[in-house]
C-alpha atoms as a PDB file:
ATOM      1  CA  UNK A   1     -17.984 -23.479  -6.527  1.00  0.00           C
ATOM      2  CA  UNK A   2     -19.134 -23.447  -2.918  1.00  0.00           C
ATOM      3  CA  UNK A   3     -19.754 -19.853  -1.840  1.00  0.00           C
ATOM      4  CA  UNK A   4     -21.389 -20.795   1.459  1.00  0.00           C
ATOM      5  CA  UNK A   5     -18.078 -20.940   3.373  1.00  0.00           C
ATOM      6  CA  UNK A   6     -14.780 -19.099   3.129  1.00  0.00           C
ATOM      7  CA  UNK A   7     -11.927 -20.861   1.342  1.00  0.00           C
ATOM      8  CA  UNK A   8      -8.810 -21.535   3.410  1.00  0.00           C
ATOM      9  CA  UNK A   9      -6.553 -22.188   0.409  1.00  0.00           C
ATOM     10  CA  UNK A  10      -3.328 -20.138   0.612  1.00  0.00           C
ATOM     11  CA  UNK A  11      -2.591 -17.548  -2.071  1.00  0.00           C
ATOM     12  CA  UNK A  12       0.653 -17.499  -4.048  1.00  0.00           C
ATOM     13  CA  UNK A  13       1.487 -14.005  -2.769  1.00  0.00           C
ATOM     14  CA  UNK A  14       1.710 -15.415   0.763  1.00  0.00           C
ATOM     15  CA  UNK A  15       4.871 -17.294  -0.199  1.00  0.00           C
ATOM     16  CA  UNK A  16       8.315 -15.865   0.597  1.00  0.00           C
ATOM     17  CA  UNK A  17      10.260 -17.567  -2.220  1.00  0.00           C
ATOM     18  CA  UNK A  18       8.845 -15.539  -5.114  1.00  0.00           C
ATOM     19  CA  UNK A  19      11.228 -13.644  -7.428  1.00  0.00           C
ATOM     20  CA  UNK A  20      11.114  -9.866  -7.027  1.00  0.00           C
ATOM     21  CA  UNK A  21      10.080  -9.413 -10.676  1.00  0.00           C
ATOM     22  CA  UNK A  22       6.938 -11.464 -10.038  1.00  0.00           C
ATOM     23  CA  UNK A  23       6.146  -9.423  -6.934  1.00  0.00           C
ATOM     24  CA  UNK A  24       6.718  -6.230  -8.923  1.00  0.00           C
ATOM     25  CA  UNK A  25       4.316  -7.273 -11.682  1.00  0.00           C
ATOM     26  CA  UNK A  26       1.753  -8.405  -9.124  1.00  0.00           C
ATOM     27  CA  UNK A  27       1.880  -5.101  -7.221  1.00  0.00           C
ATOM     28  CA  UNK A  28       1.614  -3.107 -10.453  1.00  0.00           C
ATOM     29  CA  UNK A  29      -1.494  -4.984 -11.596  1.00  0.00           C
ATOM     30  CA  UNK A  30      -3.139  -4.862  -8.159  1.00  0.00           C
ATOM     31  CA  UNK A  31      -2.728  -1.088  -8.147  1.00  0.00           C
ATOM     32  CA  UNK A  32      -4.486  -0.889 -11.524  1.00  0.00           C
ATOM     33  CA  UNK A  33      -7.309  -3.132 -10.269  1.00  0.00           C
ATOM     34  CA  UNK A  34      -7.682  -1.026  -7.115  1.00  0.00           C
ATOM     35  CA  UNK A  35      -7.864   2.141  -9.189  1.00  0.00           C
ATOM     36  CA  UNK A  36     -10.277   0.876 -11.840  1.00  0.00           C
ATOM     37  CA  UNK A  37     -12.655  -1.009  -9.511  1.00  0.00           C
ATOM     38  CA  UNK A  38     -12.882   1.666  -6.829  1.00  0.00           C
ATOM     39  CA  UNK A  39     -10.689   0.183  -4.109  1.00  0.00           C
ATOM     40  CA  UNK A  40      -8.853   3.446  -3.505  1.00  0.00           C
ATOM     41  CA  UNK A  41     -12.106   5.396  -3.296  1.00  0.00           C
ATOM     42  CA  UNK A  42     -13.300   3.022  -0.572  1.00  0.00           C
ATOM     43  CA  UNK A  43     -10.093   3.515   1.401  1.00  0.00           C
ATOM     44  CA  UNK A  44     -10.415   7.289   1.145  1.00  0.00           C
ATOM     45  CA  UNK A  45     -14.062   7.063   2.230  1.00  0.00           C
ATOM     46  CA  UNK A  46     -13.098   4.999   5.268  1.00  0.00           C
ATOM     47  CA  UNK A  47     -10.554   7.636   6.226  1.00  0.00           C
ATOM     48  CA  UNK A  48     -13.112  10.442   5.764  1.00  0.00           C
ATOM     49  CA  UNK A  49     -15.635   8.756   8.060  1.00  0.00           C
ATOM     50  CA  UNK A  50     -13.155   7.979  10.836  1.00  0.00           C
ATOM     51  CA  UNK A  51     -11.320  11.286  10.534  1.00  0.00           C
ATOM     52  CA  UNK A  52     -14.410  13.045  11.876  1.00  0.00           C
ATOM     53  CA  UNK A  53     -14.003  10.932  15.005  1.00  0.00           C
ATOM     54  CA  UNK A  54     -10.327  11.821  15.500  1.00  0.00           C
ATOM     55  CA  UNK A  55      -9.139  14.296  18.109  1.00  0.00           C
ATOM     56  CA  UNK A  56      -7.201  16.579  15.779  1.00  0.00           C
ATOM     57  CA  UNK A  57      -5.577  18.646  18.511  1.00  0.00           C
ATOM     58  CA  UNK A  58      -2.308  16.879  17.766  1.00  0.00           C
ATOM     59  CA  UNK A  59      -0.847  17.296  14.278  1.00  0.00           C
ATOM     60  CA  UNK A  60       0.081  15.656  12.082  1.00  0.00           C
ATOM     61  CA  UNK A  61      -2.343  12.766  12.221  1.00  0.00           C
ATOM     62  CA  UNK A  62      -0.697   9.358  11.990  1.00  0.00           C
ATOM     63  CA  UNK A  63      -2.420   6.833   9.728  1.00  0.00           C
ATOM     64  CA  UNK A  64      -1.140   3.241   9.586  1.00  0.00           C
ATOM     65  CA  UNK A  65      -1.890   0.458   7.116  1.00  0.00           C
ATOM     66  CA  UNK A  66      -1.142  -3.142   8.060  1.00  0.00           C
ATOM     67  CA  UNK A  67      -0.482  -5.549   5.205  1.00  0.00           C
ATOM     68  CA  UNK A  68       0.304  -2.564   2.984  1.00  0.00           C
ATOM     69  CA  UNK A  69       1.779  -4.580   0.106  1.00  0.00           C
ATOM     70  CA  UNK A  70       3.161  -2.252  -2.543  1.00  0.00           C
ATOM     71  CA  UNK A  71       1.784   0.845  -0.808  1.00  0.00           C
ATOM     72  CA  UNK A  72      -0.746   1.868  -3.477  1.00  0.00           C
ATOM     73  CA  UNK A  73      -3.525   2.543  -0.930  1.00  0.00           C
ATOM     74  CA  UNK A  74      -1.229   4.717   1.159  1.00  0.00           C
ATOM     75  CA  UNK A  75      -0.074   6.669  -1.898  1.00  0.00           C
ATOM     76  CA  UNK A  76      -3.660   7.243  -3.056  1.00  0.00           C
ATOM     77  CA  UNK A  77      -4.669   8.389   0.430  1.00  0.00           C
ATOM     78  CA  UNK A  78      -1.574  10.591   0.800  1.00  0.00           C
ATOM     79  CA  UNK A  79      -2.320  12.274  -2.536  1.00  0.00           C
ATOM     80  CA  UNK A  80      -5.923  12.931  -1.489  1.00  0.00           C
ATOM     81  CA  UNK A  81      -4.798  14.385   1.847  1.00  0.00           C
ATOM     82  CA  UNK A  82      -2.283  16.610   0.078  1.00  0.00           C
ATOM     83  CA  UNK A  83      -4.986  17.931  -2.226  1.00  0.00           C
ATOM     84  CA  UNK A  84      -7.171  18.601   0.831  1.00  0.00           C
ATOM     85  CA  UNK A  85      -4.213  20.316   2.569  1.00  0.00           C
ATOM     86  CA  UNK A  86      -4.406  17.935   5.523  1.00  0.00           C
ATOM     87  CA  UNK A  87      -1.388  17.472   7.771  1.00  0.00           C
ATOM     88  CA  UNK A  88      -1.050  13.694   7.830  1.00  0.00           C
ATOM     89  CA  UNK A  89       1.830  11.228   8.043  1.00  0.00           C
ATOM     90  CA  UNK A  90       1.614   7.582   7.071  1.00  0.00           C
ATOM     91  CA  UNK A  91       3.082   4.274   8.158  1.00  0.00           C
ATOM     92  CA  UNK A  92       2.948   1.070   6.105  1.00  0.00           C
ATOM     93  CA  UNK A  93       3.662  -2.343   7.621  1.00  0.00           C
ATOM     94  CA  UNK A  94       4.137  -5.585   5.695  1.00  0.00           C
ATOM     95  CA  UNK A  95       5.870  -8.836   6.554  1.00  0.00           C
ATOM     96  CA  UNK A  96       7.049  -9.422   2.974  1.00  0.00           C
ATOM     97  CA  UNK A  97      10.387  -7.660   2.299  1.00  0.00           C
ATOM     98  CA  UNK A  98       9.820  -7.763  -1.469  1.00  0.00           C
ATOM     99  CA  UNK A  99       6.589  -5.797  -1.099  1.00  0.00           C
ATOM    100  CA  UNK A 100       8.298  -3.191   1.071  1.00  0.00           C
ATOM    101  CA  UNK A 101      11.192  -2.973  -1.378  1.00  0.00           C
ATOM    102  CA  UNK A 102       8.732  -2.270  -4.183  1.00  0.00           C
ATOM    103  CA  UNK A 103       6.817   0.306  -2.110  1.00  0.00           C
ATOM    104  CA  UNK A 104       9.994   2.080  -0.963  1.00  0.00           C
ATOM    105  CA  UNK A 105      11.379   2.351  -4.487  1.00  0.00           C
ATOM    106  CA  UNK A 106       8.095   3.772  -5.729  1.00  0.00           C
ATOM    107  CA  UNK A 107       7.716   6.350  -2.948  1.00  0.00           C
ATOM    108  CA  UNK A 108       9.404   9.566  -4.006  1.00  0.00           C
ATOM    109  CA  UNK A 109       7.009  12.281  -2.900  1.00  0.00           C
ATOM    110  CA  UNK A 110       4.787  11.247   0.009  1.00  0.00           C
ATOM    111  CA  UNK A 111       5.225  11.280   3.829  1.00  0.00           C
ATOM    112  CA  UNK A 112       5.064   7.494   4.073  1.00  0.00           C
ATOM    113  CA  UNK A 113       7.383   5.337   6.182  1.00  0.00           C
ATOM    114  CA  UNK A 114       7.543   1.589   5.548  1.00  0.00           C
ATOM    115  CA  UNK A 115       8.401  -1.179   8.011  1.00  0.00           C
ATOM    116  CA  UNK A 116       9.148  -4.842   7.292  1.00  0.00           C
ATOM    117  CA  UNK A 117       7.462  -6.708  10.135  1.00  0.00           C
ATOM    118  CA  UNK A 118       4.610  -8.853  11.296  1.00  0.00           C
ATOM    119  CA  UNK A 119       2.169  -6.132  12.329  1.00  0.00           C
ATOM    120  CA  UNK A 120       1.803  -7.737  15.792  1.00  0.00           C
ATOM    121  CA  UNK A 121       5.501  -7.210  16.501  1.00  0.00           C
ATOM    122  CA  UNK A 122       5.562  -3.464  15.876  1.00  0.00           C
ATOM    123  CA  UNK A 123       6.033  -1.249  18.931  1.00  0.00           C
ATOM    124  CA  UNK A 124       4.616   2.172  18.073  1.00  0.00           C
ATOM    125  CA  UNK A 125       6.422   5.229  19.427  1.00  0.00           C
ATOM    126  CA  UNK A 126       3.123   7.052  18.947  1.00  0.00           C
ATOM    127  CA  UNK A 127      -0.123   5.135  18.722  1.00  0.00           C
ATOM    128  CA  UNK A 128      -1.658   5.714  15.244  1.00  0.00           C
ATOM    129  CA  UNK A 129      -4.840   7.787  15.174  1.00  0.00           C
ATOM    130  CA  UNK A 130      -6.319   5.423  12.580  1.00  0.00           C
ATOM    131  CA  UNK A 131      -5.222   1.972  11.417  1.00  0.00           C
ATOM    132  CA  UNK A 132      -6.637   0.343   8.318  1.00  0.00           C
ATOM    133  CA  UNK A 133      -6.221  -2.659   6.065  1.00  0.00           C
ATOM    134  CA  UNK A 134      -7.197  -3.248   2.456  1.00  0.00           C
ATOM    135  CA  UNK A 135      -7.492  -6.736   0.947  1.00  0.00           C
ATOM    136  CA  UNK A 136      -5.586  -8.071   3.949  1.00  0.00           C
ATOM    137  CA  UNK A 137      -8.139  -9.689   6.242  1.00  0.00           C
ATOM    138  CA  UNK A 138      -9.175 -12.392   3.795  1.00  0.00           C
ATOM    139  CA  UNK A 139      -5.699 -13.934   4.087  1.00  0.00           C
ATOM    140  CA  UNK A 140      -6.475 -15.017   7.666  1.00  0.00           C
ATOM    141  CA  UNK A 141      -8.628 -17.571   9.430  1.00  0.00           C
ATOM    142  CA  UNK A 142     -11.574 -16.446  11.538  1.00  0.00           C
ATOM    143  CA  UNK A 143      -9.641 -17.151  14.748  1.00  0.00           C
ATOM    144  CA  UNK A 144      -6.712 -15.037  13.524  1.00  0.00           C
ATOM    145  CA  UNK A 145      -9.101 -12.266  12.494  1.00  0.00           C
ATOM    146  CA  UNK A 146     -10.632 -12.049  15.962  1.00  0.00           C
ATOM    147  CA  UNK A 147      -7.126 -11.627  17.390  1.00  0.00           C
ATOM    148  CA  UNK A 148      -6.333  -9.024  14.706  1.00  0.00           C
ATOM    149  CA  UNK A 149      -9.405  -6.958  15.505  1.00  0.00           C
ATOM    150  CA  UNK A 150      -8.571  -6.926  19.188  1.00  0.00           C
ATOM    151  CA  UNK A 151      -5.061  -5.754  18.292  1.00  0.00           C
ATOM    152  CA  UNK A 152      -6.455  -3.056  15.996  1.00  0.00           C
ATOM    153  CA  UNK A 153      -8.719  -1.732  18.734  1.00  0.00           C
ATOM    154  CA  UNK A 154      -5.919  -1.619  21.313  1.00  0.00           C
ATOM    155  CA  UNK A 155      -3.353   0.002  19.012  1.00  0.00           C
ATOM    156  CA  UNK A 156      -5.477   2.707  17.344  1.00  0.00           C
ATOM    157  CA  UNK A 157      -6.390   5.907  19.165  1.00  0.00           C
ATOM    158  CA  UNK A 158      -9.633   6.652  17.326  1.00  0.00           C
ATOM    159  CA  UNK A 159     -10.491   3.426  15.538  1.00  0.00           C
ATOM    160  CA  UNK A 160      -9.815   1.368  12.456  1.00  0.00           C
ATOM    161  CA  UNK A 161     -11.401   0.464   9.150  1.00  0.00           C
ATOM    162  CA  UNK A 162     -11.268  -2.510   6.816  1.00  0.00           C
ATOM    163  CA  UNK A 163     -11.639  -2.574   3.037  1.00  0.00           C
ATOM    164  CA  UNK A 164     -12.137  -6.155   1.842  1.00  0.00           C
ATOM    165  CA  UNK A 165     -13.984  -8.462  -0.512  1.00  0.00           C
ATOM    166  CA  UNK A 166     -17.577  -9.648  -0.698  1.00  0.00           C
ATOM    167  CA  UNK A 167     -17.682 -13.369  -1.476  1.00  0.00           C
ATOM    168  CA  UNK A 168     -20.140 -13.585  -4.357  1.00  0.00           C
ATOM    169  CA  UNK A 169     -20.568 -15.722  -7.472  1.00  0.00           C
ATOM    170  CA  UNK A 170     -20.685 -12.713  -9.810  1.00  0.00           C
ATOM    171  CA  UNK A 171     -17.582 -11.171  -8.259  1.00  0.00           C
ATOM    172  CA  UNK A 172     -15.688 -14.458  -8.643  1.00  0.00           C
ATOM    173  CA  UNK A 173     -16.509 -15.037 -12.301  1.00  0.00           C
ATOM    174  CA  UNK A 174     -16.049 -11.369 -13.233  1.00  0.00           C
ATOM    175  CA  UNK A 175     -12.535 -11.077 -11.802  1.00  0.00           C
ATOM    176  CA  UNK A 176     -11.625 -14.503 -13.167  1.00  0.00           C
ATOM    177  CA  UNK A 177     -12.572 -13.375 -16.676  1.00  0.00           C
ATOM    178  CA  UNK A 178     -10.918  -9.959 -16.373  1.00  0.00           C
ATOM    179  CA  UNK A 179      -7.623 -11.369 -15.150  1.00  0.00           C
ATOM    180  CA  UNK A 180      -7.688 -14.141 -17.763  1.00  0.00           C
ATOM    181  CA  UNK A 181      -8.090 -11.564 -20.533  1.00  0.00           C
ATOM    182  CA  UNK A 182      -5.830  -8.759 -19.318  1.00  0.00           C
ATOM    183  CA  UNK A 183      -3.394  -9.956 -16.647  1.00  0.00           C
ATOM    184  CA  UNK A 184       0.207 -10.906 -17.405  1.00  0.00           C
ATOM    185  CA  UNK A 185       0.854 -12.060 -13.837  1.00  0.00           C
ATOM    186  CA  UNK A 186       0.365 -15.680 -12.822  1.00  0.00           C
ATOM    187  CA  UNK A 187      -0.015 -14.442  -9.245  1.00  0.00           C
ATOM    188  CA  UNK A 188      -2.909 -12.156 -10.119  1.00  0.00           C
ATOM    189  CA  UNK A 189      -4.588 -14.781 -12.312  1.00  0.00           C
ATOM    190  CA  UNK A 190      -4.444 -17.288  -9.450  1.00  0.00           C
ATOM    191  CA  UNK A 191      -4.931 -15.047  -6.433  1.00  0.00           C
ATOM    192  CA  UNK A 192      -7.607 -12.580  -7.582  1.00  0.00           C
ATOM    193  CA  UNK A 193     -10.400 -15.184  -8.011  1.00  0.00           C
ATOM    194  CA  UNK A 194      -9.161 -17.096  -4.952  1.00  0.00           C
ATOM    195  CA  UNK A 195      -9.292 -13.891  -2.902  1.00  0.00           C
ATOM    196  CA  UNK A 196     -13.022 -13.621  -3.646  1.00  0.00           C
ATOM    197  CA  UNK A 197     -13.530 -17.175  -2.352  1.00  0.00           C
ATOM    198  CA  UNK A 198     -11.698 -16.133   0.828  1.00  0.00           C
ATOM    199  CA  UNK A 199     -13.875 -13.009   1.190  1.00  0.00           C
ATOM    200  CA  UNK A 200     -16.812 -12.367   3.498  1.00  0.00           C
ATOM    201  CA  UNK A 201     -20.575 -12.304   3.834  1.00  0.00           C
ATOM    202  CA  UNK A 202     -22.158  -9.597   6.003  1.00  0.00           C
ATOM    203  CA  UNK A 203     -23.274 -12.106   8.637  1.00  0.00           C
ATOM    204  CA  UNK A 204     -19.686 -13.350   8.968  1.00  0.00           C
ATOM    205  CA  UNK A 205     -18.505  -9.841   9.862  1.00  0.00           C
ATOM    206  CA  UNK A 206     -21.201  -9.681  12.539  1.00  0.00           C
ATOM    207  CA  UNK A 207     -20.001 -12.952  14.051  1.00  0.00           C
ATOM    208  CA  UNK A 208     -16.365 -11.826  14.005  1.00  0.00           C
ATOM    209  CA  UNK A 209     -17.192  -8.556  15.767  1.00  0.00           C
ATOM    210  CA  UNK A 210     -19.239 -10.381  18.373  1.00  0.00           C
ATOM    211  CA  UNK A 211     -16.323 -12.725  19.110  1.00  0.00           C
ATOM    212  CA  UNK A 212     -13.887  -9.797  19.243  1.00  0.00           C
ATOM    213  CA  UNK A 213     -16.285  -7.981  21.627  1.00  0.00           C
ATOM    214  CA  UNK A 214     -16.613  -4.983  19.308  1.00  0.00           C
ATOM    215  CA  UNK A 215     -19.855  -3.052  19.594  1.00  0.00           C
ATOM    216  CA  UNK A 216     -19.441   0.255  17.738  1.00  0.00           C
ATOM    217  CA  UNK A 217     -19.130  -0.836  14.135  1.00  0.00           C
ATOM    218  CA  UNK A 218     -20.616  -0.068  10.733  1.00  0.00           C
ATOM    219  CA  UNK A 219     -20.707  -2.349   7.677  1.00  0.00           C
ATOM    220  CA  UNK A 220     -21.172  -0.725   4.255  1.00  0.00           C
ATOM    221  CA  UNK A 221     -21.410  -2.583   0.943  1.00  0.00           C
ATOM    222  CA  UNK A 222     -19.468  -0.854  -1.821  1.00  0.00           C
ATOM    223  CA  UNK A 223     -19.044  -1.383  -5.537  1.00  0.00           C
ATOM    224  CA  UNK A 224     -17.409  -3.500  -6.857  1.00  0.00           C
ATOM    225  CA  UNK A 225     -18.228  -6.239  -4.329  1.00  0.00           C
ATOM    226  CA  UNK A 226     -16.350  -4.732  -1.402  1.00  0.00           C
ATOM    227  CA  UNK A 227     -17.077  -4.207   2.267  1.00  0.00           C
ATOM    228  CA  UNK A 228     -16.096  -1.057   4.110  1.00  0.00           C
ATOM    229  CA  UNK A 229     -16.104  -1.804   7.826  1.00  0.00           C
ATOM    230  CA  UNK A 230     -15.717   1.062  10.326  1.00  0.00           C
ATOM    231  CA  UNK A 231     -14.920   0.543  14.018  1.00  0.00           C
ATOM    232  CA  UNK A 232     -14.789   3.547  16.359  1.00  0.00           C
ATOM    233  CA  UNK A 233     -12.970   3.418  19.675  1.00  0.00           C
END
């Protein structure tokens, strides 16, 4: 495998002709992976860091996730905020109606609103205090990512953060083995290793931020083979 450059091969989940049952199984397994491998902890950490930068005079805070999929990151963050007694509302945006259908059916207790849309087409009534994405950026080309980051800066009041994959040989072979042994979803078995090949090196983040003209950023490596990227407005 060539780990020197990002793969541009499309993932199965990016298709719109998948049966809902396949989407449902995929979302269920991704939530388990996020929980077991620390993805939710990274999202919560990103929120904690940026929350200190938020002007909290206006309540509740509005937190938005683009490419929210089945909503597992939003639910994990909403549960943490509830336990911390924070007054926060959440907005999830995804272009795939099957993902939003799954997320909406699952949401029974949290202040989360879901929208089916390309994130670029959403007109916010109130600009979110913080916008974030998790395992979303690697679906895009570098040119699209530069445009995304400019959009994120313009549409967030206090900043945004990104939780995504570190492209690494060990990460690739580990997730390939784990999904081969334990996954029942053909989407997860195909897309999880491919996602690693579409992930990022630290120097690639630096180039993307330079092209997007972003100066105030932090890049943190997190287990297991994740990047937490923080951008403050």
